[in-house]
């Protein structure tokens, strides 16, 4: 049985994508709380201002966004203290087919995975199985 998660944070500037991804996450019944922010700056602000709330267990991060893109977010995220980072599983979720983006993602130690949109229930189940289900 899959564990319940505190919350999931979606970082993407596309309302239609966020609608679909929120629906897919709700369908898994892994968490009641799905927070959506539209750029990396909003994500950093969210993570830094909610120290008293449980941190999200998973962040799904887009690359191309206004104000602060996914790469800029990662550069700032890696500078955060360990307490603010928490034990968050960070998945780059993108439509990019550019192999340079995958190579660049591999240079960030805080990225746990790189997946192509759209988010699916199978994808979420695989992530939960890999990072949240204890091995026997």
N, C-alpha and C. Protein backbone atom coordinates (compact mmCIF):
# COMPACT_ATOMS: atom_id res chain seq x y z
N UNK A 1 0.84 -1.19 0.00
CA UNK A 1 0.00 0.00 0.00
C UNK A 1 0.88 1.24 0.00
N UNK A 2 0.56 2.19 -0.84
CA UNK A 2 1.34 3.42 -0.96
C UNK A 2 1.11 4.32 0.25
N UNK A 3 2.17 4.97 0.71
CA UNK A 3 2.03 5.88 1.84
C UNK A 3 1.32 7.17 1.44
N UNK A 4 0.67 7.80 2.41
CA UNK A 4 0.09 9.12 2.18
C UNK A 4 1.22 10.14 2.22
N UNK A 5 1.18 11.09 1.32
CA UNK A 5 2.18 12.14 1.28
C UNK A 5 1.61 13.41 1.90
N UNK A 6 2.49 14.24 2.49
CA UNK A 6 2.05 15.52 3.06
C UNK A 6 1.45 16.41 1.98
N UNK A 7 2.21 16.60 0.92
CA UNK A 7 1.74 17.44 -0.18
C UNK A 7 2.66 17.31 -1.38
N UNK A 8 2.17 17.83 -2.50
CA UNK A 8 2.95 17.87 -3.74
C UNK A 8 2.90 19.30 -4.24
N UNK A 9 4.05 19.79 -4.70
CA UNK A 9 4.15 21.14 -5.25
C UNK A 9 4.37 21.06 -6.76
N UNK A 10 3.48 21.71 -7.51
CA UNK A 10 3.62 21.81 -8.97
C UNK A 10 4.17 23.19 -9.29
N UNK A 11 5.26 23.25 -10.04
CA UNK A 11 5.86 24.53 -10.44
C UNK A 11 5.81 24.59 -11.95
N UNK A 12 4.79 25.30 -12.46
CA UNK A 12 4.57 25.36 -13.90
C UNK A 12 3.68 26.56 -14.20
N UNK A 13 3.97 27.27 -15.28
CA UNK A 13 3.21 28.48 -15.61
C UNK A 13 2.02 28.23 -16.52
N UNK A 14 1.78 26.99 -16.92
CA UNK A 14 0.68 26.70 -17.84
C UNK A 14 -0.56 26.22 -17.10
N UNK A 15 -1.63 27.03 -17.09
CA UNK A 15 -2.84 26.66 -16.35
C UNK A 15 -3.45 25.32 -16.78
N UNK A 16 -3.47 25.03 -18.09
CA UNK A 16 -4.05 23.77 -18.56
C UNK A 16 -3.23 22.57 -18.05
N UNK A 17 -1.92 22.70 -18.11
CA UNK A 17 -1.05 21.63 -17.61
C UNK A 17 -1.26 21.43 -16.12
N UNK A 18 -1.33 22.52 -15.36
CA UNK A 18 -1.56 22.41 -13.92
C UNK A 18 -2.90 21.77 -13.61
N UNK A 19 -3.92 22.09 -14.38
CA UNK A 19 -5.24 21.49 -14.19
C UNK A 19 -5.16 19.98 -14.37
N UNK A 20 -4.55 19.55 -15.46
CA UNK A 20 -4.43 18.12 -15.75
C UNK A 20 -3.58 17.43 -14.69
N UNK A 21 -2.45 18.01 -14.34
CA UNK A 21 -1.55 17.37 -13.38
C UNK A 21 -2.19 17.29 -11.99
N UNK A 22 -2.92 18.33 -11.61
CA UNK A 22 -3.62 18.30 -10.32
C UNK A 22 -4.66 17.18 -10.31
N UNK A 23 -5.38 17.04 -11.42
CA UNK A 23 -6.39 15.98 -11.54
C UNK A 23 -5.73 14.60 -11.42
N UNK A 24 -4.62 14.40 -12.11
CA UNK A 24 -3.90 13.12 -12.07
C UNK A 24 -3.42 12.81 -10.65
N UNK A 25 -2.89 13.80 -9.96
CA UNK A 25 -2.41 13.60 -8.59
C UNK A 25 -3.58 13.24 -7.68
N UNK A 26 -4.68 13.97 -7.78
CA UNK A 26 -5.87 13.68 -6.95
C UNK A 26 -6.36 12.26 -7.20
N UNK A 27 -6.28 11.82 -8.44
CA UNK A 27 -6.74 10.47 -8.82
C UNK A 27 -5.94 9.38 -8.08
N UNK A 28 -4.68 9.65 -7.78
CA UNK A 28 -3.84 8.66 -7.09
C UNK A 28 -4.20 8.54 -5.61
N UNK A 29 -4.85 9.56 -5.05
CA UNK A 29 -5.24 9.60 -3.63
C UNK A 29 -4.04 9.51 -2.69
N UNK A 30 -2.87 9.96 -3.16
CA UNK A 30 -1.67 9.94 -2.34
C UNK A 30 -1.59 11.12 -1.39
N UNK A 31 -2.26 12.22 -1.73
CA UNK A 31 -2.23 13.41 -0.89
C UNK A 31 -3.50 14.21 -1.11
N UNK A 32 -3.86 14.94 -0.09
CA UNK A 32 -5.00 15.85 -0.20
C UNK A 32 -4.56 17.24 -0.63
N UNK A 33 -3.26 17.53 -0.46
CA UNK A 33 -2.78 18.89 -0.68
C UNK A 33 -1.87 18.95 -1.92
N UNK A 34 -2.34 19.67 -2.93
CA UNK A 34 -1.55 19.94 -4.13
C UNK A 34 -1.48 21.45 -4.26
N UNK A 35 -0.27 21.98 -4.20
CA UNK A 35 -0.07 23.42 -4.32
C UNK A 35 0.52 23.71 -5.70
N UNK A 36 0.01 24.76 -6.33
CA UNK A 36 0.48 25.15 -7.65
C UNK A 36 1.07 26.56 -7.57
N UNK A 37 2.29 26.70 -8.07
CA UNK A 37 2.91 28.02 -8.24
C UNK A 37 3.35 28.13 -9.69
N UNK A 38 3.48 29.37 -10.18
CA UNK A 38 3.68 29.56 -11.61
C UNK A 38 5.11 29.84 -12.05
N UNK A 39 6.05 29.90 -11.12
CA UNK A 39 7.46 30.10 -11.50
C UNK A 39 8.36 29.74 -10.33
N UNK A 40 9.66 29.71 -10.61
CA UNK A 40 10.62 29.34 -9.59
C UNK A 40 10.66 30.28 -8.40
N UNK A 41 10.46 31.56 -8.63
CA UNK A 41 10.46 32.54 -7.53
C UNK A 41 9.33 32.25 -6.56
N UNK A 42 8.13 31.99 -7.09
CA UNK A 42 7.00 31.64 -6.22
C UNK A 42 7.27 30.35 -5.46
N UNK A 43 7.93 29.40 -6.10
CA UNK A 43 8.26 28.13 -5.43
C UNK A 43 9.23 28.36 -4.28
N UNK A 44 10.27 29.16 -4.51
CA UNK A 44 11.22 29.47 -3.43
C UNK A 44 10.53 30.20 -2.29
N UNK A 45 9.70 31.18 -2.62
CA UNK A 45 8.96 31.91 -1.59
C UNK A 45 8.09 30.96 -0.79
N UNK A 46 7.43 30.05 -1.46
CA UNK A 46 6.56 29.08 -0.79
C UNK A 46 7.38 28.20 0.16
N UNK A 47 8.48 27.68 -0.32
CA UNK A 47 9.30 26.79 0.51
C UNK A 47 9.88 27.51 1.72
N UNK A 48 10.27 28.77 1.53
CA UNK A 48 10.90 29.53 2.62
C UNK A 48 9.89 30.09 3.61
N UNK A 49 8.65 30.28 3.21
CA UNK A 49 7.69 30.90 4.10
C UNK A 49 6.84 29.90 4.86
N UNK A 50 6.98 28.64 4.58
CA UNK A 50 6.13 27.64 5.22
C UNK A 50 6.92 26.68 6.10
N UNK A 51 7.84 27.22 6.88
CA UNK A 51 8.66 26.37 7.74
C UNK A 51 7.83 25.61 8.77
N UNK A 52 6.70 26.17 9.16
CA UNK A 52 5.88 25.51 10.17
C UNK A 52 4.94 24.46 9.58
N UNK A 53 4.77 24.44 8.28
CA UNK A 53 3.93 23.44 7.64
C UNK A 53 4.79 22.28 7.18
N UNK A 54 4.21 21.11 7.01
CA UNK A 54 5.01 20.03 6.42
C UNK A 54 5.46 20.43 5.01
N UNK A 55 6.70 20.16 4.70
CA UNK A 55 7.24 20.44 3.37
C UNK A 55 6.58 19.50 2.36
N UNK A 56 6.52 19.92 1.11
CA UNK A 56 6.02 18.97 0.10
C UNK A 56 6.96 17.77 0.02
N UNK A 57 6.39 16.63 -0.24
CA UNK A 57 7.22 15.43 -0.41
C UNK A 57 7.82 15.39 -1.81
N UNK A 58 7.07 15.94 -2.78
CA UNK A 58 7.52 15.94 -4.17
C UNK A 58 7.32 17.33 -4.77
N UNK A 59 8.31 17.76 -5.54
CA UNK A 59 8.16 18.96 -6.37
C UNK A 59 8.30 18.51 -7.82
N UNK A 60 7.30 18.86 -8.63
CA UNK A 60 7.38 18.67 -10.08
C UNK A 60 7.70 20.03 -10.67
N UNK A 61 8.86 20.15 -11.32
CA UNK A 61 9.39 21.43 -11.77
C UNK A 61 9.50 21.50 -13.28
N UNK A 62 8.88 22.52 -13.86
CA UNK A 62 8.99 22.79 -15.30
C UNK A 62 10.31 23.53 -15.55
N UNK A 63 10.76 23.54 -16.79
CA UNK A 63 11.98 24.29 -17.14
C UNK A 63 11.65 25.71 -17.56
N UNK A 64 10.81 25.85 -18.56
CA UNK A 64 10.57 27.16 -19.18
C UNK A 64 9.40 27.89 -18.53
N UNK A 65 9.73 28.90 -17.72
CA UNK A 65 8.72 29.71 -17.04
C UNK A 65 9.22 31.15 -17.00
N UNK A 66 8.29 32.11 -16.91
CA UNK A 66 8.71 33.51 -16.77
C UNK A 66 9.21 33.79 -15.36
N UNK A 67 9.80 34.94 -15.17
CA UNK A 67 10.30 35.46 -13.89
C UNK A 67 11.50 34.67 -13.41
N UNK A 68 11.33 33.37 -13.11
CA UNK A 68 12.45 32.51 -12.73
C UNK A 68 12.17 31.12 -13.29
N UNK A 69 13.03 30.69 -14.23
CA UNK A 69 12.81 29.39 -14.86
C UNK A 69 13.30 28.26 -13.94
N UNK A 70 13.13 27.03 -14.40
CA UNK A 70 13.50 25.87 -13.60
C UNK A 70 14.98 25.82 -13.24
N UNK A 71 15.84 26.20 -14.19
CA UNK A 71 17.29 26.18 -13.93
C UNK A 71 17.66 27.21 -12.85
N UNK A 72 17.10 28.40 -12.97
CA UNK A 72 17.37 29.45 -11.98
C UNK A 72 16.85 29.03 -10.61
N UNK A 73 15.68 28.39 -10.57
CA UNK A 73 15.15 27.88 -9.32
C UNK A 73 16.13 26.89 -8.69
N UNK A 74 16.63 25.97 -9.50
CA UNK A 74 17.55 24.95 -8.98
C UNK A 74 18.83 25.56 -8.42
N UNK A 75 19.35 26.57 -9.09
CA UNK A 75 20.55 27.24 -8.59
C UNK A 75 20.30 27.84 -7.20
N UNK A 76 19.14 28.46 -7.03
CA UNK A 76 18.79 29.04 -5.72
C UNK A 76 18.43 27.96 -4.71
N UNK A 77 17.73 26.95 -5.13
CA UNK A 77 17.31 25.86 -4.26
C UNK A 77 18.52 25.16 -3.64
N UNK A 78 19.56 24.97 -4.45
CA UNK A 78 20.75 24.29 -3.94
C UNK A 78 21.50 25.13 -2.90
N UNK A 79 21.21 26.43 -2.85
CA UNK A 79 21.83 27.30 -1.84
C UNK A 79 21.05 27.33 -0.52
N UNK A 80 19.83 26.80 -0.53
CA UNK A 80 19.01 26.81 0.68
C UNK A 80 19.62 25.89 1.73
N UNK A 81 19.34 26.19 2.99
CA UNK A 81 19.85 25.31 4.04
C UNK A 81 19.11 23.97 4.00
N UNK A 82 19.71 22.97 4.60
CA UNK A 82 19.17 21.61 4.54
C UNK A 82 17.77 21.53 5.14
N UNK A 83 17.49 22.31 6.17
CA UNK A 83 16.18 22.28 6.80
C UNK A 83 15.10 22.79 5.84
N UNK A 84 15.41 23.84 5.09
CA UNK A 84 14.44 24.39 4.14
C UNK A 84 14.26 23.42 2.97
N UNK A 85 15.34 22.79 2.54
CA UNK A 85 15.22 21.80 1.46
C UNK A 85 14.42 20.59 1.92
N UNK A 86 14.64 20.17 3.15
CA UNK A 86 13.94 19.00 3.65
C UNK A 86 14.32 17.75 2.86
N UNK A 87 13.46 16.76 2.92
CA UNK A 87 13.67 15.50 2.19
C UNK A 87 12.77 15.46 0.96
N UNK A 88 12.83 16.51 0.17
CA UNK A 88 11.94 16.65 -0.97
C UNK A 88 12.50 15.90 -2.17
N UNK A 89 11.63 15.15 -2.84
CA UNK A 89 11.99 14.51 -4.09
C UNK A 89 11.65 15.50 -5.19
N UNK A 90 12.68 15.91 -5.93
CA UNK A 90 12.51 16.94 -6.95
C UNK A 90 12.60 16.30 -8.34
N UNK A 91 11.51 16.41 -9.08
CA UNK A 91 11.43 15.82 -10.41
C UNK A 91 11.27 16.94 -11.44
N UNK A 92 12.20 17.01 -12.39
CA UNK A 92 12.08 17.94 -13.51
C UNK A 92 11.05 17.33 -14.46
N UNK A 93 9.97 18.07 -14.69
CA UNK A 93 8.87 17.59 -15.53
C UNK A 93 8.71 18.57 -16.67
N UNK A 94 9.01 18.14 -17.88
CA UNK A 94 9.13 19.08 -19.00
C UNK A 94 8.64 18.49 -20.32
N UNK A 95 8.40 19.37 -21.26
CA UNK A 95 8.09 18.93 -22.63
C UNK A 95 9.36 18.94 -23.49
N UNK A 96 10.47 19.39 -22.91
CA UNK A 96 11.71 19.53 -23.67
C UNK A 96 12.24 18.16 -24.11
N UNK A 97 12.55 18.08 -25.39
CA UNK A 97 13.18 16.88 -25.94
C UNK A 97 14.67 17.12 -26.21
N UNK A 98 15.15 18.28 -25.79
CA UNK A 98 16.53 18.67 -26.02
C UNK A 98 17.45 17.86 -25.11
N UNK A 99 18.36 17.06 -25.69
CA UNK A 99 19.27 16.26 -24.86
C UNK A 99 20.16 17.13 -23.96
N UNK A 100 20.40 18.38 -24.35
CA UNK A 100 21.19 19.28 -23.51
C UNK A 100 20.49 19.55 -22.18
N UNK A 101 19.15 19.59 -22.19
CA UNK A 101 18.42 19.80 -20.94
C UNK A 101 18.60 18.62 -19.99
N UNK A 102 18.54 17.42 -20.51
CA UNK A 102 18.78 16.24 -19.67
C UNK A 102 20.20 16.26 -19.12
N UNK A 103 21.17 16.59 -19.96
CA UNK A 103 22.56 16.68 -19.50
C UNK A 103 22.71 17.73 -18.41
N UNK A 104 22.09 18.87 -18.60
CA UNK A 104 22.16 19.93 -17.61
C UNK A 104 21.49 19.50 -16.31
N UNK A 105 20.36 18.82 -16.42
CA UNK A 105 19.66 18.34 -15.22
C UNK A 105 20.55 17.41 -14.40
N UNK A 106 21.35 16.62 -15.08
CA UNK A 106 22.23 15.68 -14.39
C UNK A 106 23.35 16.37 -13.62
N UNK A 107 23.56 17.67 -13.85
CA UNK A 107 24.60 18.39 -13.11
C UNK A 107 24.09 18.89 -11.75
N UNK A 108 22.79 18.82 -11.52
CA UNK A 108 22.21 19.27 -10.25
C UNK A 108 22.02 18.09 -9.31
N UNK A 109 22.65 18.15 -8.16
CA UNK A 109 22.56 17.05 -7.19
C UNK A 109 21.18 16.95 -6.55
N UNK A 110 20.41 18.02 -6.59
CA UNK A 110 19.10 18.00 -5.93
C UNK A 110 17.99 17.43 -6.82
N UNK A 111 18.26 17.20 -8.09
CA UNK A 111 17.24 16.62 -8.98
C UNK A 111 17.26 15.10 -8.82
N UNK A 112 16.09 14.55 -8.51
CA UNK A 112 15.97 13.11 -8.35
C UNK A 112 15.55 12.42 -9.64
N UNK A 113 14.94 13.17 -10.56
CA UNK A 113 14.49 12.55 -11.80
C UNK A 113 14.16 13.57 -12.86
N UNK A 114 14.09 13.10 -14.07
CA UNK A 114 13.79 13.94 -15.24
C UNK A 114 12.76 13.19 -16.05
N UNK A 115 11.57 13.74 -16.15
CA UNK A 115 10.48 13.08 -16.85
C UNK A 115 9.84 14.02 -17.87
N UNK A 116 9.23 13.43 -18.87
CA UNK A 116 8.51 14.21 -19.88
C UNK A 116 7.03 14.29 -19.54
N UNK A 117 6.47 15.48 -19.80
CA UNK A 117 5.03 15.68 -19.60
C UNK A 117 4.28 14.87 -20.65
N UNK A 118 3.06 14.53 -20.35
CA UNK A 118 2.29 14.88 -19.16
C UNK A 118 2.56 13.91 -18.01
N UNK A 119 2.27 14.38 -16.83
CA UNK A 119 2.33 13.55 -15.63
C UNK A 119 1.22 12.51 -15.72
N UNK A 120 1.55 11.27 -15.38
CA UNK A 120 0.56 10.20 -15.41
C UNK A 120 0.49 9.53 -14.04
N UNK A 121 -0.58 8.81 -13.79
CA UNK A 121 -0.68 8.08 -12.52
C UNK A 121 0.44 7.03 -12.44
N UNK A 122 0.76 6.41 -13.55
CA UNK A 122 1.85 5.41 -13.56
C UNK A 122 3.18 6.06 -13.16
N UNK A 123 3.43 7.25 -13.69
CA UNK A 123 4.65 7.97 -13.36
C UNK A 123 4.72 8.28 -11.85
N UNK A 124 3.61 8.75 -11.31
CA UNK A 124 3.58 9.06 -9.88
C UNK A 124 3.78 7.79 -9.06
N UNK A 125 3.13 6.71 -9.44
CA UNK A 125 3.28 5.44 -8.73
C UNK A 125 4.73 4.96 -8.74
N UNK A 126 5.41 5.12 -9.89
CA UNK A 126 6.82 4.73 -9.98
C UNK A 126 7.69 5.58 -9.05
N UNK A 127 7.42 6.87 -9.00
CA UNK A 127 8.19 7.78 -8.14
C UNK A 127 7.96 7.42 -6.67
N UNK A 128 6.72 7.19 -6.31
CA UNK A 128 6.40 6.83 -4.92
C UNK A 128 7.05 5.50 -4.56
N UNK A 129 6.98 4.55 -5.45
CA UNK A 129 7.60 3.24 -5.22
C UNK A 129 9.11 3.38 -5.00
N UNK A 130 9.74 4.20 -5.82
CA UNK A 130 11.19 4.37 -5.73
C UNK A 130 11.64 5.13 -4.49
N UNK A 131 10.90 6.18 -4.12
CA UNK A 131 11.39 7.07 -3.06
C UNK A 131 10.67 6.99 -1.72
N UNK A 132 9.47 6.38 -1.68
CA UNK A 132 8.70 6.44 -0.45
C UNK A 132 8.28 5.09 0.12
N UNK A 133 8.42 4.03 -0.64
CA UNK A 133 8.06 2.71 -0.14
C UNK A 133 9.33 2.03 0.36
N UNK A 134 9.34 1.67 1.65
CA UNK A 134 10.55 1.02 2.19
C UNK A 134 10.80 -0.32 1.51
N UNK A 135 12.07 -0.61 1.28
CA UNK A 135 12.43 -1.90 0.67
C UNK A 135 12.42 -2.96 1.75
N UNK A 136 12.13 -4.17 1.35
CA UNK A 136 12.03 -5.27 2.32
C UNK A 136 13.38 -5.89 2.57
